[in-house]
Full PDB file with SEQRES, HELIX, SHEET, SSBOND, CRYST1, ORIGX, SCALE, CONECT and MASTER records, all heavy atoms in Angstrom:
SEQRES   1 A   30  GLY TRP ASP LEU SER ASP PRO MET HIS TYR PHE GLN ASN          
SEQRES   2 A   30  ASN GLN ASP GLY THR PHE SER ASP ARG THR GLU ALA ALA          
SEQRES   3 A   30  GLY LEU LYS GLY                                              
SHEET    1 AA1 2 PHE A  11  ASN A  13  0                                        
SHEET    2 AA1 2 PHE A  19  ASP A  21 -1                                        
CRYST1    1.000    1.000    1.000  90.00  90.00  90.00 P 1           1          
ORIGX1      1.000000  0.000000  0.000000        0.00000                         
ORIGX2      0.000000  1.000000  0.000000        0.00000                         
ORIGX3      0.000000  0.000000  1.000000        0.00000                         
SCALE1      1.000000  0.000000  0.000000        0.00000                         
SCALE2      0.000000  1.000000  0.000000        0.00000                         
SCALE3      0.000000  0.000000  1.000000        0.00000                         
ATOM      1  N   GLY A   1       3.171  -8.969  -4.970  1.00  0.00           N  
ATOM      2  CA  GLY A   1       4.348  -9.746  -5.307  1.00  0.00           C  
ATOM      3  C   GLY A   1       3.969 -11.215  -5.215  1.00  0.00           C  
ATOM      4  O   GLY A   1       3.048 -11.574  -4.499  1.00  0.00           O  
ATOM      5  N   TRP A   2       4.649 -12.056  -5.995  1.00  0.00           N  
ATOM      6  CA  TRP A   2       4.127 -13.367  -6.250  1.00  0.00           C  
ATOM      7  C   TRP A   2       4.258 -14.350  -5.092  1.00  0.00           C  
ATOM      8  O   TRP A   2       3.405 -15.209  -4.922  1.00  0.00           O  
ATOM      9  CB  TRP A   2       4.703 -13.950  -7.554  1.00  0.00           C  
ATOM     10  CG  TRP A   2       5.958 -14.754  -7.366  1.00  0.00           C  
ATOM     11  CD1 TRP A   2       7.156 -14.405  -6.693  1.00  0.00           C  
ATOM     12  CD2 TRP A   2       6.264 -16.059  -7.919  1.00  0.00           C  
ATOM     13  NE1 TRP A   2       8.059 -15.410  -6.762  1.00  0.00           N  
ATOM     14  CE2 TRP A   2       7.570 -16.439  -7.573  1.00  0.00           C  
ATOM     15  CE3 TRP A   2       5.465 -16.889  -8.695  1.00  0.00           C  
ATOM     16  CZ2 TRP A   2       8.165 -17.614  -7.930  1.00  0.00           C  
ATOM     17  CZ3 TRP A   2       6.066 -18.116  -9.075  1.00  0.00           C  
ATOM     18  CH2 TRP A   2       7.389 -18.468  -8.674  1.00  0.00           C  
ATOM     19  N   ASP A   3       5.254 -14.178  -4.260  1.00  0.00           N  
ATOM     20  CA  ASP A   3       5.504 -15.144  -3.202  1.00  0.00           C  
ATOM     21  C   ASP A   3       4.566 -14.824  -1.994  1.00  0.00           C  
ATOM     22  O   ASP A   3       4.177 -13.675  -1.798  1.00  0.00           O  
ATOM     23  CB  ASP A   3       6.903 -15.069  -2.725  1.00  0.00           C  
ATOM     24  CG  ASP A   3       7.272 -16.228  -1.741  1.00  0.00           C  
ATOM     25  OD1 ASP A   3       7.550 -17.312  -2.296  1.00  0.00           O  
ATOM     26  OD2 ASP A   3       7.260 -15.978  -0.556  1.00  0.00           O  
ATOM     27  N   LEU A   4       4.195 -15.850  -1.285  1.00  0.00           N  
ATOM     28  CA  LEU A   4       3.307 -15.681  -0.126  1.00  0.00           C  
ATOM     29  C   LEU A   4       3.863 -14.912   1.005  1.00  0.00           C  
ATOM     30  O   LEU A   4       3.244 -14.643   2.006  1.00  0.00           O  
ATOM     31  CB  LEU A   4       2.675 -16.942   0.354  1.00  0.00           C  
ATOM     32  CG  LEU A   4       1.752 -17.661  -0.641  1.00  0.00           C  
ATOM     33  CD1 LEU A   4       1.245 -18.909  -0.045  1.00  0.00           C  
ATOM     34  CD2 LEU A   4       0.526 -16.780  -0.920  1.00  0.00           C  
ATOM     35  N   SER A   5       5.162 -14.621   0.908  1.00  0.00           N  
ATOM     36  CA  SER A   5       5.843 -13.747   1.902  1.00  0.00           C  
ATOM     37  C   SER A   5       5.959 -12.265   1.397  1.00  0.00           C  
ATOM     38  O   SER A   5       6.334 -11.385   2.132  1.00  0.00           O  
ATOM     39  CB  SER A   5       7.201 -14.234   2.259  1.00  0.00           C  
ATOM     40  OG  SER A   5       8.045 -14.260   1.106  1.00  0.00           O  
ATOM     41  N   ASP A   6       5.551 -12.045   0.136  1.00  0.00           N  
ATOM     42  CA  ASP A   6       5.571 -10.684  -0.444  1.00  0.00           C  
ATOM     43  C   ASP A   6       4.297  -9.901  -0.151  1.00  0.00           C  
ATOM     44  O   ASP A   6       3.159 -10.400  -0.418  1.00  0.00           O  
ATOM     45  CB  ASP A   6       5.739 -10.739  -1.984  1.00  0.00           C  
ATOM     46  CG  ASP A   6       7.064 -11.339  -2.403  1.00  0.00           C  
ATOM     47  OD1 ASP A   6       7.998 -11.087  -1.640  1.00  0.00           O  
ATOM     48  OD2 ASP A   6       7.149 -12.095  -3.402  1.00  0.00           O  
ATOM     49  N   PRO A   7       4.428  -8.733   0.499  1.00  0.00           N  
ATOM     50  CA  PRO A   7       3.212  -7.938   0.854  1.00  0.00           C  
ATOM     51  C   PRO A   7       2.625  -7.250  -0.325  1.00  0.00           C  
ATOM     52  O   PRO A   7       3.337  -6.958  -1.360  1.00  0.00           O  
ATOM     53  CB  PRO A   7       3.785  -6.963   1.886  1.00  0.00           C  
ATOM     54  CG  PRO A   7       5.198  -6.757   1.413  1.00  0.00           C  
ATOM     55  CD  PRO A   7       5.665  -8.080   0.914  1.00  0.00           C  
ATOM     56  N   MET A   8       1.368  -6.925  -0.196  1.00  0.00           N  
ATOM     57  CA  MET A   8       0.714  -5.927  -1.122  1.00  0.00           C  
ATOM     58  C   MET A   8       1.067  -4.541  -0.691  1.00  0.00           C  
ATOM     59  O   MET A   8       1.467  -4.314   0.526  1.00  0.00           O  
ATOM     60  CB  MET A   8      -0.802  -6.147  -1.169  1.00  0.00           C  
ATOM     61  CG  MET A   8      -1.243  -7.408  -1.801  1.00  0.00           C  
ATOM     62  SD  MET A   8      -3.030  -7.529  -1.949  1.00  0.00           S  
ATOM     63  CE  MET A   8      -3.372  -6.367  -3.180  1.00  0.00           C  
ATOM     64  N   HIS A   9       0.949  -3.564  -1.587  1.00  0.00           N  
ATOM     65  CA  HIS A   9       1.187  -2.148  -1.191  1.00  0.00           C  
ATOM     66  C   HIS A   9       0.069  -1.304  -1.822  1.00  0.00           C  
ATOM     67  O   HIS A   9      -0.272  -1.554  -2.989  1.00  0.00           O  
ATOM     68  CB  HIS A   9       2.533  -1.636  -1.719  1.00  0.00           C  
ATOM     69  CG  HIS A   9       3.752  -2.298  -1.151  1.00  0.00           C  
ATOM     70  ND1 HIS A   9       4.262  -1.846   0.065  1.00  0.00           N  
ATOM     71  CD2 HIS A   9       4.423  -3.375  -1.518  1.00  0.00           C  
ATOM     72  CE1 HIS A   9       5.342  -2.631   0.380  1.00  0.00           C  
ATOM     73  NE2 HIS A   9       5.464  -3.551  -0.542  1.00  0.00           N  
ATOM     74  N   TYR A  10      -0.440  -0.355  -0.975  1.00  0.00           N  
ATOM     75  CA  TYR A  10      -1.519   0.541  -1.508  1.00  0.00           C  
ATOM     76  C   TYR A  10      -1.062   1.951  -1.267  1.00  0.00           C  
ATOM     77  O   TYR A  10      -0.835   2.350  -0.104  1.00  0.00           O  
ATOM     78  CB  TYR A  10      -2.757   0.225  -0.769  1.00  0.00           C  
ATOM     79  CG  TYR A  10      -3.912   1.194  -1.110  1.00  0.00           C  
ATOM     80  CD1 TYR A  10      -4.136   1.698  -2.361  1.00  0.00           C  
ATOM     81  CD2 TYR A  10      -4.735   1.757  -0.042  1.00  0.00           C  
ATOM     82  CE1 TYR A  10      -5.161   2.575  -2.666  1.00  0.00           C  
ATOM     83  CE2 TYR A  10      -5.721   2.655  -0.344  1.00  0.00           C  
ATOM     84  CZ  TYR A  10      -5.946   3.063  -1.643  1.00  0.00           C  
ATOM     85  OH  TYR A  10      -6.937   3.940  -1.859  1.00  0.00           O  
ATOM     86  N   PHE A  11      -0.772   2.681  -2.316  1.00  0.00           N  
ATOM     87  CA  PHE A  11      -0.333   4.081  -2.311  1.00  0.00           C  
ATOM     88  C   PHE A  11      -1.509   4.973  -2.682  1.00  0.00           C  
ATOM     89  O   PHE A  11      -1.954   4.919  -3.821  1.00  0.00           O  
ATOM     90  CB  PHE A  11       0.851   4.314  -3.157  1.00  0.00           C  
ATOM     91  CG  PHE A  11       2.035   3.495  -2.800  1.00  0.00           C  
ATOM     92  CD1 PHE A  11       2.356   2.285  -3.473  1.00  0.00           C  
ATOM     93  CD2 PHE A  11       2.886   3.947  -1.785  1.00  0.00           C  
ATOM     94  CE1 PHE A  11       3.521   1.555  -3.082  1.00  0.00           C  
ATOM     95  CE2 PHE A  11       4.008   3.194  -1.455  1.00  0.00           C  
ATOM     96  CZ  PHE A  11       4.287   1.980  -2.064  1.00  0.00           C  
ATOM     97  N   GLN A  12      -1.883   5.858  -1.773  1.00  0.00           N  
ATOM     98  CA  GLN A  12      -3.027   6.720  -2.069  1.00  0.00           C  
ATOM     99  C   GLN A  12      -2.442   8.120  -2.570  1.00  0.00           C  
ATOM    100  O   GLN A  12      -1.491   8.605  -2.094  1.00  0.00           O  
ATOM    101  CB  GLN A  12      -3.819   6.982  -0.762  1.00  0.00           C  
ATOM    102  CG  GLN A  12      -5.102   7.839  -0.985  1.00  0.00           C  
ATOM    103  CD  GLN A  12      -5.957   7.855   0.298  1.00  0.00           C  
ATOM    104  OE1 GLN A  12      -6.487   6.904   0.626  1.00  0.00           O  
ATOM    105  NE2 GLN A  12      -5.949   9.034   0.930  1.00  0.00           N  
ATOM    106  N   ASN A  13      -3.091   8.568  -3.592  1.00  0.00           N  
ATOM    107  CA  ASN A  13      -2.729   9.853  -4.204  1.00  0.00           C  
ATOM    108  C   ASN A  13      -3.148  10.984  -3.302  1.00  0.00           C  
ATOM    109  O   ASN A  13      -4.275  11.104  -2.904  1.00  0.00           O  
ATOM    110  CB  ASN A  13      -3.440   9.991  -5.599  1.00  0.00           C  
ATOM    111  CG  ASN A  13      -2.883  11.074  -6.427  1.00  0.00           C  
ATOM    112  OD1 ASN A  13      -2.504  12.155  -5.930  1.00  0.00           O  
ATOM    113  ND2 ASN A  13      -2.826  10.876  -7.723  1.00  0.00           N  
ATOM    114  N   ASN A  14      -2.127  11.802  -2.913  1.00  0.00           N  
ATOM    115  CA  ASN A  14      -2.378  12.957  -2.014  1.00  0.00           C  
ATOM    116  C   ASN A  14      -2.892  14.240  -2.683  1.00  0.00           C  
ATOM    117  O   ASN A  14      -3.097  15.277  -2.052  1.00  0.00           O  
ATOM    118  CB  ASN A  14      -1.143  13.240  -1.175  1.00  0.00           C  
ATOM    119  CG  ASN A  14      -0.760  12.084  -0.300  1.00  0.00           C  
ATOM    120  OD1 ASN A  14      -1.503  11.397   0.238  1.00  0.00           O  
ATOM    121  ND2 ASN A  14       0.565  11.940  -0.124  1.00  0.00           N  
ATOM    122  N   GLN A  15      -3.092  14.161  -3.995  1.00  0.00           N  
ATOM    123  CA  GLN A  15      -3.640  15.303  -4.758  1.00  0.00           C  
ATOM    124  C   GLN A  15      -2.615  16.458  -4.838  1.00  0.00           C  
ATOM    125  O   GLN A  15      -3.023  17.567  -5.144  1.00  0.00           O  
ATOM    126  CB  GLN A  15      -4.995  15.795  -4.293  1.00  0.00           C  
ATOM    127  CG  GLN A  15      -6.067  14.705  -4.142  1.00  0.00           C  
ATOM    128  CD  GLN A  15      -7.425  15.202  -3.673  1.00  0.00           C  
ATOM    129  OE1 GLN A  15      -7.642  16.371  -3.777  1.00  0.00           O  
ATOM    130  NE2 GLN A  15      -8.246  14.333  -3.150  1.00  0.00           N  
ATOM    131  N   ASP A  16      -1.398  16.188  -4.511  1.00  0.00           N  
ATOM    132  CA  ASP A  16      -0.430  17.303  -4.515  1.00  0.00           C  
ATOM    133  C   ASP A  16       0.889  16.899  -5.141  1.00  0.00           C  
ATOM    134  O   ASP A  16       1.912  17.500  -4.938  1.00  0.00           O  
ATOM    135  CB  ASP A  16      -0.132  17.801  -3.039  1.00  0.00           C  
ATOM    136  CG  ASP A  16       0.448  16.684  -2.151  1.00  0.00           C  
ATOM    137  OD1 ASP A  16       0.605  15.578  -2.652  1.00  0.00           O  
ATOM    138  OD2 ASP A  16       0.695  16.986  -1.003  1.00  0.00           O  
ATOM    139  N   GLY A  17       0.903  15.806  -5.852  1.00  0.00           N  
ATOM    140  CA  GLY A  17       2.128  15.290  -6.486  1.00  0.00           C  
ATOM    141  C   GLY A  17       2.885  14.278  -5.691  1.00  0.00           C  
ATOM    142  O   GLY A  17       3.990  13.866  -6.008  1.00  0.00           O  
ATOM    143  N   THR A  18       2.290  13.848  -4.548  1.00  0.00           N  
ATOM    144  CA  THR A  18       2.915  12.863  -3.677  1.00  0.00           C  
ATOM    145  C   THR A  18       1.940  11.745  -3.379  1.00  0.00           C  
ATOM    146  O   THR A  18       0.692  11.855  -3.655  1.00  0.00           O  
ATOM    147  CB  THR A  18       3.417  13.445  -2.414  1.00  0.00           C  
ATOM    148  OG1 THR A  18       2.272  13.850  -1.583  1.00  0.00           O  
ATOM    149  CG2 THR A  18       4.258  14.593  -2.602  1.00  0.00           C  
ATOM    150  N   PHE A  19       2.451  10.622  -2.833  1.00  0.00           N  
ATOM    151  CA  PHE A  19       1.671   9.490  -2.467  1.00  0.00           C  
ATOM    152  C   PHE A  19       1.883   9.072  -1.043  1.00  0.00           C  
ATOM    153  O   PHE A  19       3.037   9.297  -0.497  1.00  0.00           O  
ATOM    154  CB  PHE A  19       1.904   8.283  -3.364  1.00  0.00           C  
ATOM    155  CG  PHE A  19       1.528   8.528  -4.835  1.00  0.00           C  
ATOM    156  CD1 PHE A  19       2.354   9.204  -5.667  1.00  0.00           C  
ATOM    157  CD2 PHE A  19       0.303   8.001  -5.299  1.00  0.00           C  
ATOM    158  CE1 PHE A  19       1.954   9.378  -6.971  1.00  0.00           C  
ATOM    159  CE2 PHE A  19      -0.064   8.220  -6.634  1.00  0.00           C  
ATOM    160  CZ  PHE A  19       0.793   8.901  -7.462  1.00  0.00           C  
ATOM    161  N   SER A  20       0.973   8.443  -0.360  1.00  0.00           N  
ATOM    162  CA  SER A  20       1.123   7.979   0.964  1.00  0.00           C  
ATOM    163  C   SER A  20       0.804   6.498   0.986  1.00  0.00           C  
ATOM    164  O   SER A  20      -0.110   5.983   0.378  1.00  0.00           O  
ATOM    165  CB  SER A  20       0.114   8.679   1.955  1.00  0.00           C  
ATOM    166  OG  SER A  20       0.497  10.035   2.175  1.00  0.00           O  
ATOM    167  N   ASP A  21       1.683   5.779   1.711  1.00  0.00           N  
ATOM    168  CA  ASP A  21       1.475   4.330   1.826  1.00  0.00           C  
ATOM    169  C   ASP A  21       0.380   4.093   2.828  1.00  0.00           C  
ATOM    170  O   ASP A  21       0.559   4.284   4.024  1.00  0.00           O  
ATOM    171  CB  ASP A  21       2.830   3.690   2.291  1.00  0.00           C  
ATOM    172  CG  ASP A  21       2.762   2.141   2.214  1.00  0.00           C  
ATOM    173  OD1 ASP A  21       1.630   1.631   2.270  1.00  0.00           O  
ATOM    174  OD2 ASP A  21       3.846   1.512   2.146  1.00  0.00           O  
ATOM    175  N   ARG A  22      -0.767   3.559   2.379  1.00  0.00           N  
ATOM    176  CA  ARG A  22      -1.909   3.295   3.242  1.00  0.00           C  
ATOM    177  C   ARG A  22      -2.167   1.803   3.285  1.00  0.00           C  
ATOM    178  O   ARG A  22      -3.336   1.440   3.640  1.00  0.00           O  
ATOM    179  CB  ARG A  22      -3.126   4.046   2.592  1.00  0.00           C  
ATOM    180  CG  ARG A  22      -2.980   5.552   2.429  1.00  0.00           C  
ATOM    181  CD  ARG A  22      -3.134   6.265   3.730  1.00  0.00           C  
ATOM    182  NE  ARG A  22      -4.461   6.020   4.306  1.00  0.00           N  
ATOM    183  CZ  ARG A  22      -4.783   6.303   5.558  1.00  0.00           C  
ATOM    184  NH1 ARG A  22      -3.908   6.851   6.372  1.00  0.00           N  
ATOM    185  NH2 ARG A  22      -6.036   6.139   6.038  1.00  0.00           N  
ATOM    186  N   THR A  23      -1.182   1.033   3.135  1.00  0.00           N  
ATOM    187  CA  THR A  23      -1.327  -0.432   3.099  1.00  0.00           C  
ATOM    188  C   THR A  23      -1.994  -0.981   4.339  1.00  0.00           C  
ATOM    189  O   THR A  23      -2.966  -1.651   4.376  1.00  0.00           O  
ATOM    190  CB  THR A  23      -0.027  -1.161   2.860  1.00  0.00           C  
ATOM    191  OG1 THR A  23       0.551  -0.612   1.655  1.00  0.00           O  
ATOM    192  CG2 THR A  23      -0.222  -2.658   2.673  1.00  0.00           C  
ATOM    193  N   GLU A  24      -1.340  -0.646   5.497  1.00  0.00           N  
ATOM    194  CA  GLU A  24      -1.841  -1.225   6.783  1.00  0.00           C  
ATOM    195  C   GLU A  24      -3.220  -0.575   7.117  1.00  0.00           C  
ATOM    196  O   GLU A  24      -4.129  -1.359   7.589  1.00  0.00           O  
ATOM    197  CB  GLU A  24      -0.804  -0.932   7.907  1.00  0.00           C  
ATOM    198  CG  GLU A  24      -1.141  -1.609   9.160  1.00  0.00           C  
ATOM    199  CD  GLU A  24      -0.027  -1.640  10.193  1.00  0.00           C  
ATOM    200  OE1 GLU A  24       1.095  -1.144   9.838  1.00  0.00           O  
ATOM    201  OE2 GLU A  24      -0.244  -2.005  11.311  1.00  0.00           O  
ATOM    202  N   ALA A  25      -3.346   0.713   6.901  1.00  0.00           N  
ATOM    203  CA  ALA A  25      -4.604   1.364   7.203  1.00  0.00           C  
ATOM    204  C   ALA A  25      -5.756   0.813   6.411  1.00  0.00           C  
ATOM    205  O   ALA A  25      -6.893   0.836   6.835  1.00  0.00           O  
ATOM    206  CB  ALA A  25      -4.477   2.840   7.017  1.00  0.00           C  
ATOM    207  N   ALA A  26      -5.430   0.327   5.215  1.00  0.00           N  
ATOM    208  CA  ALA A  26      -6.414  -0.244   4.298  1.00  0.00           C  
ATOM    209  C   ALA A  26      -6.804  -1.673   4.674  1.00  0.00           C  
ATOM    210  O   ALA A  26      -7.639  -2.258   4.010  1.00  0.00           O  
ATOM    211  CB  ALA A  26      -5.952  -0.184   2.835  1.00  0.00           C  
ATOM    212  N   GLY A  27      -6.115  -2.200   5.658  1.00  0.00           N  
ATOM    213  CA  GLY A  27      -6.446  -3.612   6.091  1.00  0.00           C  
ATOM    214  C   GLY A  27      -5.796  -4.675   5.216  1.00  0.00           C  
ATOM    215  O   GLY A  27      -6.193  -5.866   5.256  1.00  0.00           O  
ATOM    216  N   LEU A  28      -4.719  -4.247   4.495  1.00  0.00           N  
ATOM    217  CA  LEU A  28      -4.077  -5.180   3.590  1.00  0.00           C  
ATOM    218  C   LEU A  28      -2.881  -5.949   4.156  1.00  0.00           C  
ATOM    219  O   LEU A  28      -2.256  -6.762   3.520  1.00  0.00           O  
ATOM    220  CB  LEU A  28      -3.656  -4.500   2.301  1.00  0.00           C  
ATOM    221  CG  LEU A  28      -4.833  -3.896   1.463  1.00  0.00           C  
ATOM    222  CD1 LEU A  28      -4.314  -3.112   0.282  1.00  0.00           C  
ATOM    223  CD2 LEU A  28      -5.755  -4.994   1.018  1.00  0.00           C  
ATOM    224  N   LYS A  29      -2.526  -5.641   5.364  1.00  0.00           N  
ATOM    225  CA  LYS A  29      -1.387  -6.269   6.008  1.00  0.00           C  
ATOM    226  C   LYS A  29      -1.766  -7.730   6.192  1.00  0.00           C  
ATOM    227  O   LYS A  29      -2.826  -8.077   6.722  1.00  0.00           O  
ATOM    228  CB  LYS A  29      -1.082  -5.638   7.331  1.00  0.00           C  
ATOM    229  CG  LYS A  29       0.212  -6.147   7.992  1.00  0.00           C  
ATOM    230  CD  LYS A  29       0.580  -5.466   9.300  1.00  0.00           C  
ATOM    231  CE  LYS A  29       1.798  -6.033   9.922  1.00  0.00           C  
ATOM    232  NZ  LYS A  29       2.179  -5.309  11.217  1.00  0.00           N  
ATOM    233  N   GLY A  30      -0.834  -8.618   5.764  1.00  0.00           N  
ATOM    234  CA  GLY A  30      -1.063 -10.025   5.793  1.00  0.00           C  
ATOM    235  C   GLY A  30      -1.759 -10.621   4.599  1.00  0.00           C  
ATOM    236  O   GLY A  30      -1.790 -11.784   4.400  1.00  0.00           O  
TER     237      GLY A  30                                                      
MASTER        0    0    0    0    2    0    0    6  236    1    0    3          
END                                                                             
């Protein structure tokens, strides 16, 4: 997101038709 208060999001494909939010685990928080 464009503002410096907007977080990034990383959704990992679970290979079963769903996704998991791995943003913090990926080190992208902040």
